[in-house]
Amino acid sequence: MKLSYAKTIDFIRRDWKSNPYRLSAEVVVWLLNIVIALTVSLTVPITDWSIVYPIIFVALSINVYSSISRGSFGLLMTTVTLMVVDSIGYYRILML
């Protein structure tokens, strides 16, 4: 598969026209993931997970909406799996 700048821009335009709310939500999730990654990478080994996990859950919740509105079963199952795994981690942090 050959990637094309013009095709990528066209895809973004079509996606915006089909559902601007979803595309905006996906951009917010992208930014949240960058914030999460930077926070964790800059604070290891003393990361305050009681702050990071709620941000993760906001991003995952937005991803649930996006995957359902996009009709993507794979993205939905990946997101739900991450929610379960992160819920276990968050529970363990709260119980320490």
PDB file of N, CA and C in Angstrom:
ATOM      1  N   MET A   1       0.846  -1.177   0.000  1.00  0.00           N
ATOM      2  CA  MET A   1       0.000   0.000   0.000  1.00  0.00           C
ATOM      3  C   MET A   1       0.889   1.235   0.000  1.00  0.00           C
ATOM      4  N   LYS A   2       0.671   2.090  -0.955  1.00  0.00           N
ATOM      5  CA  LYS A   2       1.454   3.311  -1.071  1.00  0.00           C
ATOM      6  C   LYS A   2       0.670   4.466  -0.452  1.00  0.00           C
ATOM      7  N   LEU A   3       1.314   5.162   0.476  1.00  0.00           N
ATOM      8  CA  LEU A   3       0.669   6.308   1.112  1.00  0.00           C
ATOM      9  C   LEU A   3       0.865   7.549   0.257  1.00  0.00           C
ATOM     10  N   SER A   4      -0.165   8.341   0.198  1.00  0.00           N
ATOM     11  CA  SER A   4      -0.124   9.562  -0.597  1.00  0.00           C
ATOM     12  C   SER A   4      -0.611  10.730   0.249  1.00  0.00           C
ATOM     13  N   TYR A   5       0.126  11.825   0.219  1.00  0.00           N
ATOM     14  CA  TYR A   5      -0.252  13.020   0.964  1.00  0.00           C
ATOM     15  C   TYR A   5      -1.642  13.492   0.536  1.00  0.00           C
ATOM     16  N   ALA A   6      -1.891  13.551  -0.757  1.00  0.00           N
ATOM     17  CA  ALA A   6      -3.182  14.024  -1.263  1.00  0.00           C
ATOM     18  C   ALA A   6      -4.320  13.107  -0.832  1.00  0.00           C
ATOM     19  N   LYS A   7      -4.082  11.794  -0.873  1.00  0.00           N
ATOM     20  CA  LYS A   7      -5.117  10.847  -0.455  1.00  0.00           C
ATOM     21  C   LYS A   7      -5.385  10.960   1.042  1.00  0.00           C
ATOM     22  N   THR A   8      -4.332  11.214   1.810  1.00  0.00           N
ATOM     23  CA  THR A   8      -4.498  11.367   3.255  1.00  0.00           C
ATOM     24  C   THR A   8      -5.332  12.605   3.567  1.00  0.00           C
ATOM     25  N   ILE A   9      -5.025  13.720   2.925  1.00  0.00           N
ATOM     26  CA  ILE A   9      -5.793  14.952   3.122  1.00  0.00           C
ATOM     27  C   ILE A   9      -7.236  14.747   2.678  1.00  0.00           C
ATOM     28  N   ASP A  10      -7.433  14.048   1.572  1.00  0.00           N
ATOM     29  CA  ASP A  10      -8.788  13.761   1.098  1.00  0.00           C
ATOM     30  C   ASP A  10      -9.552  12.895   2.102  1.00  0.00           C
ATOM     31  N   PHE A  11      -8.857  11.917   2.686  1.00  0.00           N
ATOM     32  CA  PHE A  11      -9.484  11.080   3.704  1.00  0.00           C
ATOM     33  C   PHE A  11      -9.922  11.915   4.903  1.00  0.00           C
ATOM     34  N   ILE A  12      -9.061  12.819   5.347  1.00  0.00           N
ATOM     35  CA  ILE A  12      -9.392  13.676   6.490  1.00  0.00           C
ATOM     36  C   ILE A  12     -10.583  14.563   6.156  1.00  0.00           C
ATOM     37  N   ARG A  13     -10.634  15.116   4.971  1.00  0.00           N
ATOM     38  CA  ARG A  13     -11.777  15.952   4.557  1.00  0.00           C
ATOM     39  C   ARG A  13     -13.077  15.145   4.532  1.00  0.00           C
ATOM     40  N   ARG A  14     -13.018  13.944   3.969  1.00  0.00           N
ATOM     41  CA  ARG A  14     -14.222  13.091   3.919  1.00  0.00           C
ATOM     42  C   ARG A  14     -14.669  12.716   5.326  1.00  0.00           C
ATOM     43  N   ASP A  15     -13.696  12.407   6.179  1.00  0.00           N
ATOM     44  CA  ASP A  15     -14.015  12.034   7.552  1.00  0.00           C
ATOM     45  C   ASP A  15     -14.646  13.218   8.284  1.00  0.00           C
ATOM     46  N   TRP A  16     -14.127  14.406   8.074  1.00  0.00           N
ATOM     47  CA  TRP A  16     -14.677  15.611   8.699  1.00  0.00           C
ATOM     48  C   TRP A  16     -16.112  15.846   8.236  1.00  0.00           C
ATOM     49  N   LYS A  17     -16.351  15.690   6.939  1.00  0.00           N
ATOM     50  CA  LYS A  17     -17.696  15.896   6.402  1.00  0.00           C
ATOM     51  C   LYS A  17     -18.679  14.840   6.911  1.00  0.00           C
ATOM     52  N   SER A  18     -18.205  13.620   7.100  1.00  0.00           N
ATOM     53  CA  SER A  18     -19.114  12.565   7.538  1.00  0.00           C
ATOM     54  C   SER A  18     -19.466  12.689   9.017  1.00  0.00           C
ATOM     55  N   ASN A  19     -18.523  13.150   9.847  1.00  0.00           N
ATOM     56  CA  ASN A  19     -18.797  13.275  11.273  1.00  0.00           C
ATOM     57  C   ASN A  19     -17.739  14.162  11.942  1.00  0.00           C
ATOM     58  N   PRO A  20     -17.932  15.480  11.889  1.00  0.00           N
ATOM     59  CA  PRO A  20     -16.921  16.382  12.457  1.00  0.00           C
ATOM     60  C   PRO A  20     -16.745  16.211  13.963  1.00  0.00           C
ATOM     61  N   TYR A  21     -17.799  15.839  14.665  1.00  0.00           N
ATOM     62  CA  TYR A  21     -17.698  15.636  16.113  1.00  0.00           C
ATOM     63  C   TYR A  21     -16.754  14.479  16.432  1.00  0.00           C
ATOM     64  N   ARG A  22     -16.908  13.373  15.683  1.00  0.00           N
ATOM     65  CA  ARG A  22     -16.056  12.208  15.911  1.00  0.00           C
ATOM     66  C   ARG A  22     -14.599  12.529  15.607  1.00  0.00           C
ATOM     67  N   LEU A  23     -14.346  13.200  14.497  1.00  0.00           N
ATOM     68  CA  LEU A  23     -12.970  13.537  14.145  1.00  0.00           C
ATOM     69  C   LEU A  23     -12.355  14.453  15.200  1.00  0.00           C
ATOM     70  N   SER A  24     -13.131  15.411  15.687  1.00  0.00           N
ATOM     71  CA  SER A  24     -12.635  16.293  16.752  1.00  0.00           C
ATOM     72  C   SER A  24     -12.331  15.492  18.015  1.00  0.00           C
ATOM     73  N   ALA A  25     -13.203  14.554  18.347  1.00  0.00           N
ATOM     74  CA  ALA A  25     -12.990  13.711  19.525  1.00  0.00           C
ATOM     75  C   ALA A  25     -11.720  12.883  19.365  1.00  0.00           C
ATOM     76  N   GLU A  26     -11.485  12.374  18.164  1.00  0.00           N
ATOM     77  CA  GLU A  26     -10.290  11.577  17.925  1.00  0.00           C
ATOM     78  C   GLU A  26      -9.019  12.422  18.025  1.00  0.00           C
ATOM     79  N   VAL A  27      -9.089  13.671  17.623  1.00  0.00           N
ATOM     80  CA  VAL A  27      -7.943  14.571  17.780  1.00  0.00           C
ATOM     81  C   VAL A  27      -7.689  14.832  19.267  1.00  0.00           C
ATOM     82  N   VAL A  28      -8.750  14.990  20.048  1.00  0.00           N
ATOM     83  CA  VAL A  28      -8.606  15.180  21.498  1.00  0.00           C
ATOM     84  C   VAL A  28      -7.941  13.948  22.118  1.00  0.00           C
ATOM     85  N   VAL A  29      -8.361  12.756  21.710  1.00  0.00           N
ATOM     86  CA  VAL A  29      -7.756  11.522  22.225  1.00  0.00           C
ATOM     87  C   VAL A  29      -6.277  11.467  21.846  1.00  0.00           C
ATOM     88  N   TRP A  30      -5.957  11.851  20.633  1.00  0.00           N
ATOM     89  CA  TRP A  30      -4.564  11.869  20.190  1.00  0.00           C
ATOM     90  C   TRP A  30      -3.738  12.786  21.091  1.00  0.00           C
ATOM     91  N   LEU A  31      -4.257  13.967  21.367  1.00  0.00           N
ATOM     92  CA  LEU A  31      -3.547  14.905  22.248  1.00  0.00           C
ATOM     93  C   LEU A  31      -3.435  14.353  23.673  1.00  0.00           C
ATOM     94  N   LEU A  32      -4.512  13.750  24.182  1.00  0.00           N
ATOM     95  CA  LEU A  32      -4.460  13.155  25.517  1.00  0.00           C
ATOM     96  C   LEU A  32      -3.414  12.040  25.592  1.00  0.00           C
ATOM     97  N   ASN A  33      -3.316  11.243  24.544  1.00  0.00           N
ATOM     98  CA  ASN A  33      -2.315  10.181  24.534  1.00  0.00           C
ATOM     99  C   ASN A  33      -0.896  10.738  24.560  1.00  0.00           C
ATOM    100  N   ILE A  34      -0.681  11.859  23.901  1.00  0.00           N
ATOM    101  CA  ILE A  34       0.628  12.509  23.958  1.00  0.00           C
ATOM    102  C   ILE A  34       0.902  13.012  25.373  1.00  0.00           C
ATOM    103  N   VAL A  35      -0.097  13.629  26.002  1.00  0.00           N
ATOM    104  CA  VAL A  35       0.050  14.105  27.383  1.00  0.00           C
ATOM    105  C   VAL A  35       0.360  12.931  28.314  1.00  0.00           C
ATOM    106  N   ILE A  36      -0.355  11.827  28.152  1.00  0.00           N
ATOM    107  CA  ILE A  36      -0.131  10.643  28.983  1.00  0.00           C
ATOM    108  C   ILE A  36       1.289  10.115  28.787  1.00  0.00           C
ATOM    109  N   ALA A  37       1.686   9.955  27.542  1.00  0.00           N
ATOM    110  CA  ALA A  37       3.022   9.411  27.256  1.00  0.00           C
ATOM    111  C   ALA A  37       4.123  10.314  27.810  1.00  0.00           C
ATOM    112  N   LEU A  38       3.982  11.617  27.627  1.00  0.00           N
ATOM    113  CA  LEU A  38       4.987  12.546  28.156  1.00  0.00           C
ATOM    114  C   LEU A  38       5.012  12.538  29.676  1.00  0.00           C
ATOM    115  N   THR A  39       3.842  12.526  30.281  1.00  0.00           N
ATOM    116  CA  THR A  39       3.764  12.514  31.744  1.00  0.00           C
ATOM    117  C   THR A  39       4.456  11.283  32.311  1.00  0.00           C
ATOM    118  N   VAL A  40       4.150  10.139  31.747  1.00  0.00           N
ATOM    119  CA  VAL A  40       4.749   8.900  32.246  1.00  0.00           C
ATOM    120  C   VAL A  40       6.251   8.892  31.985  1.00  0.00           C
ATOM    121  N   SER A  41       6.662   9.249  30.778  1.00  0.00           N
ATOM    122  CA  SER A  41       8.086   9.176  30.451  1.00  0.00           C
ATOM    123  C   SER A  41       8.923  10.176  31.243  1.00  0.00           C
ATOM    124  N   LEU A  42       8.339  11.304  31.604  1.00  0.00           N
ATOM    125  CA  LEU A  42       9.090  12.321  32.345  1.00  0.00           C
ATOM    126  C   LEU A  42       9.059  12.108  33.854  1.00  0.00           C
ATOM    127  N   THR A  43       8.149  11.269  34.333  1.00  0.00           N
ATOM    128  CA  THR A  43       8.028  11.090  35.784  1.00  0.00           C
ATOM    129  C   THR A  43       8.426   9.697  36.275  1.00  0.00           C
ATOM    130  N   VAL A  44       8.799   8.801  35.368  1.00  0.00           N
ATOM    131  CA  VAL A  44       9.243   7.467  35.773  1.00  0.00           C
ATOM    132  C   VAL A  44      10.495   7.622  36.619  1.00  0.00           C
ATOM    133  N   PRO A  45      10.686   6.969  37.717  1.00  0.00           N
ATOM    134  CA  PRO A  45       9.905   5.880  38.280  1.00  0.00           C
ATOM    135  C   PRO A  45       8.898   6.333  39.320  1.00  0.00           C
ATOM    136  N   ILE A  46       8.684   7.625  39.465  1.00  0.00           N
ATOM    137  CA  ILE A  46       7.772   8.109  40.515  1.00  0.00           C
ATOM    138  C   ILE A  46       6.473   8.661  39.921  1.00  0.00           C
ATOM    139  N   THR A  47       5.986   8.027  38.882  1.00  0.00           N
ATOM    140  CA  THR A  47       4.751   8.461  38.226  1.00  0.00           C
ATOM    141  C   THR A  47       3.589   8.400  39.207  1.00  0.00           C
ATOM    142  N   ASP A  48       2.810   9.469  39.276  1.00  0.00           N
ATOM    143  CA  ASP A  48       1.620   9.492  40.131  1.00  0.00           C
ATOM    144  C   ASP A  48       0.440   8.944  39.318  1.00  0.00           C
ATOM    145  N   TRP A  49       0.242   7.640  39.416  1.00  0.00           N
ATOM    146  CA  TRP A  49      -0.788   6.969  38.625  1.00  0.00           C
ATOM    147  C   TRP A  49      -2.194   7.386  39.019  1.00  0.00           C
ATOM    148  N   SER A  50      -2.365   7.936  40.216  1.00  0.00           N
ATOM    149  CA  SER A  50      -3.697   8.402  40.604  1.00  0.00           C
ATOM    150  C   SER A  50      -4.107   9.623  39.782  1.00  0.00           C
ATOM    151  N   ILE A  51      -3.149  10.270  39.135  1.00  0.00           N
ATOM    152  CA  ILE A  51      -3.443  11.380  38.222  1.00  0.00           C
ATOM    153  C   ILE A  51      -3.519  10.882  36.785  1.00  0.00           C
ATOM    154  N   VAL A  52      -2.626   9.973  36.428  1.00  0.00           N
ATOM    155  CA  VAL A  52      -2.544   9.514  35.038  1.00  0.00           C
ATOM    156  C   VAL A  52      -3.732   8.630  34.651  1.00  0.00           C
ATOM    157  N   TYR A  53      -4.125   7.707  35.533  1.00  0.00           N
ATOM    158  CA  TYR A  53      -5.213   6.785  35.178  1.00  0.00           C
ATOM    159  C   TYR A  53      -6.534   7.497  34.822  1.00  0.00           C
ATOM    160  N   PRO A  54      -6.964   8.510  35.562  1.00  0.00           N
ATOM    161  CA  PRO A  54      -8.205   9.185  35.137  1.00  0.00           C
ATOM    162  C   PRO A  54      -8.109   9.795  33.735  1.00  0.00           C
ATOM    163  N   ILE A  55      -6.946  10.305  33.370  1.00  0.00           N
ATOM    164  CA  ILE A  55      -6.765  10.848  32.013  1.00  0.00           C
ATOM    165  C   ILE A  55      -6.856   9.717  31.000  1.00  0.00           C
ATOM    166  N   ILE A  56      -6.265   8.586  31.343  1.00  0.00           N
ATOM    167  CA  ILE A  56      -6.343   7.416  30.459  1.00  0.00           C
ATOM    168  C   ILE A  56      -7.805   7.011  30.250  1.00  0.00           C
ATOM    169  N   PHE A  57      -8.587   7.005  31.332  1.00  0.00           N
ATOM    170  CA  PHE A  57      -9.990   6.594  31.206  1.00  0.00           C
ATOM    171  C   PHE A  57     -10.818   7.586  30.388  1.00  0.00           C
ATOM    172  N   VAL A  58     -10.493   8.867  30.461  1.00  0.00           N
ATOM    173  CA  VAL A  58     -11.176   9.853  29.605  1.00  0.00           C
ATOM    174  C   VAL A  58     -10.875   9.539  28.142  1.00  0.00           C
ATOM    175  N   ALA A  59      -9.600   9.318  27.831  1.00  0.00           N
ATOM    176  CA  ALA A  59      -9.213   9.009  26.454  1.00  0.00           C
ATOM    177  C   ALA A  59      -9.879   7.715  25.967  1.00  0.00           C
ATOM    178  N   LEU A  60      -9.893   6.697  26.806  1.00  0.00           N
ATOM    179  CA  LEU A  60     -10.518   5.431  26.414  1.00  0.00           C
ATOM    180  C   LEU A  60     -12.022   5.577  26.216  1.00  0.00           C
ATOM    181  N   SER A  61     -12.664   6.376  27.048  1.00  0.00           N
ATOM    182  CA  SER A  61     -14.111   6.608  26.892  1.00  0.00           C
ATOM    183  C   SER A  61     -14.419   7.290  25.572  1.00  0.00           C
ATOM    184  N   ILE A  62     -13.604   8.252  25.206  1.00  0.00           N
ATOM    185  CA  ILE A  62     -13.784   8.920  23.910  1.00  0.00           C
ATOM    186  C   ILE A  62     -13.552   7.921  22.783  1.00  0.00           C
ATOM    187  N   ASN A  63     -12.574   7.029  22.958  1.00  0.00           N
ATOM    188  CA  ASN A  63     -12.315   6.003  21.943  1.00  0.00           C
ATOM    189  C   ASN A  63     -13.488   5.045  21.785  1.00  0.00           C
ATOM    190  N   VAL A  64     -14.189   4.752  22.858  1.00  0.00           N
ATOM    191  CA  VAL A  64     -15.375   3.895  22.755  1.00  0.00           C
ATOM    192  C   VAL A  64     -16.399   4.557  21.844  1.00  0.00           C
ATOM    193  N   TYR A  65     -16.667   5.843  22.087  1.00  0.00           N
ATOM    194  CA  TYR A  65     -17.600   6.569  21.216  1.00  0.00           C
ATOM    195  C   TYR A  65     -17.127   6.529  19.760  1.00  0.00           C
ATOM    196  N   SER A  66     -15.853   6.834  19.554  1.00  0.00           N
ATOM    197  CA  SER A  66     -15.316   6.887  18.187  1.00  0.00           C
ATOM    198  C   SER A  66     -15.426   5.544  17.488  1.00  0.00           C
ATOM    199  N   SER A  67     -15.093   4.481  18.191  1.00  0.00           N
ATOM    200  CA  SER A  67     -15.130   3.166  17.554  1.00  0.00           C
ATOM    201  C   SER A  67     -16.557   2.748  17.215  1.00  0.00           C
ATOM    202  N   ILE A  68     -17.494   3.070  18.097  1.00  0.00           N
ATOM    203  CA  ILE A  68     -18.892   2.728  17.811  1.00  0.00           C
ATOM    204  C   ILE A  68     -19.416   3.560  16.646  1.00  0.00           C
ATOM    205  N   SER A  69     -19.144   4.857  16.650  1.00  0.00           N
ATOM    206  CA  SER A  69     -19.669   5.698  15.568  1.00  0.00           C
ATOM    207  C   SER A  69     -18.978   5.402  14.235  1.00  0.00           C
ATOM    208  N   ARG A  70     -17.752   4.900  14.285  1.00  0.00           N
ATOM    209  CA  ARG A  70     -17.033   4.539  13.067  1.00  0.00           C
ATOM    210  C   ARG A  70     -17.412   3.134  12.606  1.00  0.00           C
ATOM    211  N   GLY A  71     -18.005   2.366  13.526  1.00  0.00           N
ATOM    212  CA  GLY A  71     -18.380   0.999  13.186  1.00  0.00           C
ATOM    213  C   GLY A  71     -17.185   0.056  13.192  1.00  0.00           C
ATOM    214  N   SER A  72     -16.201   0.339  14.056  1.00  0.00           N
ATOM    215  CA  SER A  72     -14.988  -0.466  14.094  1.00  0.00           C
ATOM    216  C   SER A  72     -15.008  -1.415  15.285  1.00  0.00           C
ATOM    217  N   PHE A  73     -15.302  -2.668  15.010  1.00  0.00           N
ATOM    218  CA  PHE A  73     -15.338  -3.677  16.058  1.00  0.00           C
ATOM    219  C   PHE A  73     -13.950  -3.881  16.664  1.00  0.00           C
ATOM    220  N   GLY A  74     -12.920  -3.897  15.828  1.00  0.00           N
ATOM    221  CA  GLY A  74     -11.557  -4.110  16.305  1.00  0.00           C
ATOM    222  C   GLY A  74     -11.118  -3.022  17.273  1.00  0.00           C
ATOM    223  N   LEU A  75     -11.372  -1.767  16.923  1.00  0.00           N
ATOM    224  CA  LEU A  75     -11.007  -0.661  17.805  1.00  0.00           C
ATOM    225  C   LEU A  75     -11.811  -0.711  19.098  1.00  0.00           C
ATOM    226  N   LEU A  76     -13.088  -1.076  19.002  1.00  0.00           N
ATOM    227  CA  LEU A  76     -13.922  -1.177  20.194  1.00  0.00           C
ATOM    228  C   LEU A  76     -13.387  -2.259  21.131  1.00  0.00           C
ATOM    229  N   MET A  77     -13.072  -3.433  20.598  1.00  0.00           N
ATOM    230  CA  MET A  77     -12.575  -4.517  21.442  1.00  0.00           C
ATOM    231  C   MET A  77     -11.209  -4.181  22.047  1.00  0.00           C
ATOM    232  N   THR A  78     -10.354  -3.527  21.285  1.00  0.00           N
ATOM    233  CA  THR A  78      -9.052  -3.105  21.810  1.00  0.00           C
ATOM    234  C   THR A  78      -9.250  -2.116  22.951  1.00  0.00           C
ATOM    235  N   THR A  79     -10.145  -1.151  22.764  1.00  0.00           N
ATOM    236  CA  THR A  79     -10.397  -0.142  23.785  1.00  0.00           C
ATOM    237  C   THR A  79     -11.004  -0.753  25.041  1.00  0.00           C
ATOM    238  N   VAL A  80     -11.968  -1.653  24.872  1.00  0.00           N
ATOM    239  CA  VAL A  80     -12.588  -2.300  26.023  1.00  0.00           C
ATOM    240  C   VAL A  80     -11.552  -3.144  26.776  1.00  0.00           C
ATOM    241  N   THR A  81     -10.705  -3.840  26.055  1.00  0.00           N
ATOM    242  CA  THR A  81      -9.650  -4.630  26.690  1.00  0.00           C
ATOM    243  C   THR A  81      -8.711  -3.733  27.494  1.00  0.00           C
ATOM    244  N   LEU A  82      -8.309  -2.610  26.906  1.00  0.00           N
ATOM    245  CA  LEU A  82      -7.445  -1.657  27.625  1.00  0.00           C
ATOM    246  C   LEU A  82      -8.151  -1.099  28.856  1.00  0.00           C
ATOM    247  N   MET A  83      -9.458  -0.864  28.745  1.00  0.00           N
ATOM    248  CA  MET A  83     -10.208  -0.374  29.910  1.00  0.00           C
ATOM    249  C   MET A  83     -10.191  -1.397  31.045  1.00  0.00           C
ATOM    250  N   VAL A  84     -10.363  -2.658  30.706  1.00  0.00           N
ATOM    251  CA  VAL A  84     -10.348  -3.705  31.727  1.00  0.00           C
ATOM    252  C   VAL A  84      -8.967  -3.792  32.376  1.00  0.00           C
ATOM    253  N   VAL A  85      -7.924  -3.836  31.566  1.00  0.00           N
ATOM    254  CA  VAL A  85      -6.556  -3.933  32.082  1.00  0.00           C
ATOM    255  C   VAL A  85      -6.225  -2.709  32.942  1.00  0.00           C
ATOM    256  N   ASP A  86      -6.542  -1.510  32.439  1.00  0.00           N
ATOM    257  CA  ASP A  86      -6.240  -0.289  33.196  1.00  0.00           C
ATOM    258  C   ASP A  86      -7.103  -0.175  34.449  1.00  0.00           C
ATOM    259  N   SER A  87      -8.305  -0.703  34.415  1.00  0.00           N
ATOM    260  CA  SER A  87      -9.150  -0.697  35.613  1.00  0.00           C
ATOM    261  C   SER A  87      -8.527  -1.551  36.715  1.00  0.00           C
ATOM    262  N   ILE A  88      -7.975  -2.674  36.330  1.00  0.00           N
ATOM    263  CA  ILE A  88      -7.291  -3.533  37.304  1.00  0.00           C
ATOM    264  C   ILE A  88      -6.083  -2.800  37.879  1.00  0.00           C
ATOM    265  N   GLY A  89      -5.304  -2.169  37.021  1.00  0.00           N
ATOM    266  CA  GLY A  89      -4.146  -1.410  37.491  1.00  0.00           C
ATOM    267  C   GLY A  89      -4.538  -0.267  38.403  1.00  0.00           C
ATOM    268  N   TYR A  90      -5.588   0.456  38.033  1.00  0.00           N
ATOM    269  CA  TYR A  90      -6.047   1.588  38.848  1.00  0.00           C
ATOM    270  C   TYR A  90      -6.568   1.095  40.193  1.00  0.00           C
ATOM    271  N   TYR A  91      -7.298   0.001  40.190  1.00  0.00           N
ATOM    272  CA  TYR A  91      -7.790  -0.589  41.431  1.00  0.00           C
ATOM    273  C   TYR A  91      -6.617  -0.954  42.342  1.00  0.00           C
ATOM    274  N   ARG A  92      -5.598  -1.558  41.762  1.00  0.00           N
ATOM    275  CA  ARG A  92      -4.415  -1.954  42.550  1.00  0.00           C
ATOM    276  C   ARG A  92      -3.711  -0.738  43.135  1.00  0.00           C
ATOM    277  N   ILE A  93      -3.631   0.352  42.347  1.00  0.00           N
ATOM    278  CA  ILE A  93      -3.013   1.587  42.854  1.00  0.00           C
ATOM    279  C   ILE A  93      -3.823   2.133  44.025  1.00  0.00           C
ATOM    280  N   LEU A  94      -5.139   2.134  43.884  1.00  0.00           N
ATOM    281  CA  LEU A  94      -5.996   2.672  44.948  1.00  0.00           C
ATOM    282  C   LEU A  94      -5.934   1.827  46.212  1.00  0.00           C
ATOM    283  N   MET A  95      -5.654   0.530  46.080  1.00  0.00           N
ATOM    284  CA  MET A  95      -5.639  -0.367  47.229  1.00  0.00           C
ATOM    285  C   MET A  95      -4.283  -0.403  47.939  1.00  0.00           C
ATOM    286  N   LEU A  96      -3.252   0.214  47.351  1.00  0.00           N
ATOM    287  CA  LEU A  96      -1.924   0.210  48.005  1.00  0.00           C
ATOM    288  C   LEU A  96      -1.913   1.028  49.258  1.00  0.00           C
TER     289      LEU A  96
END
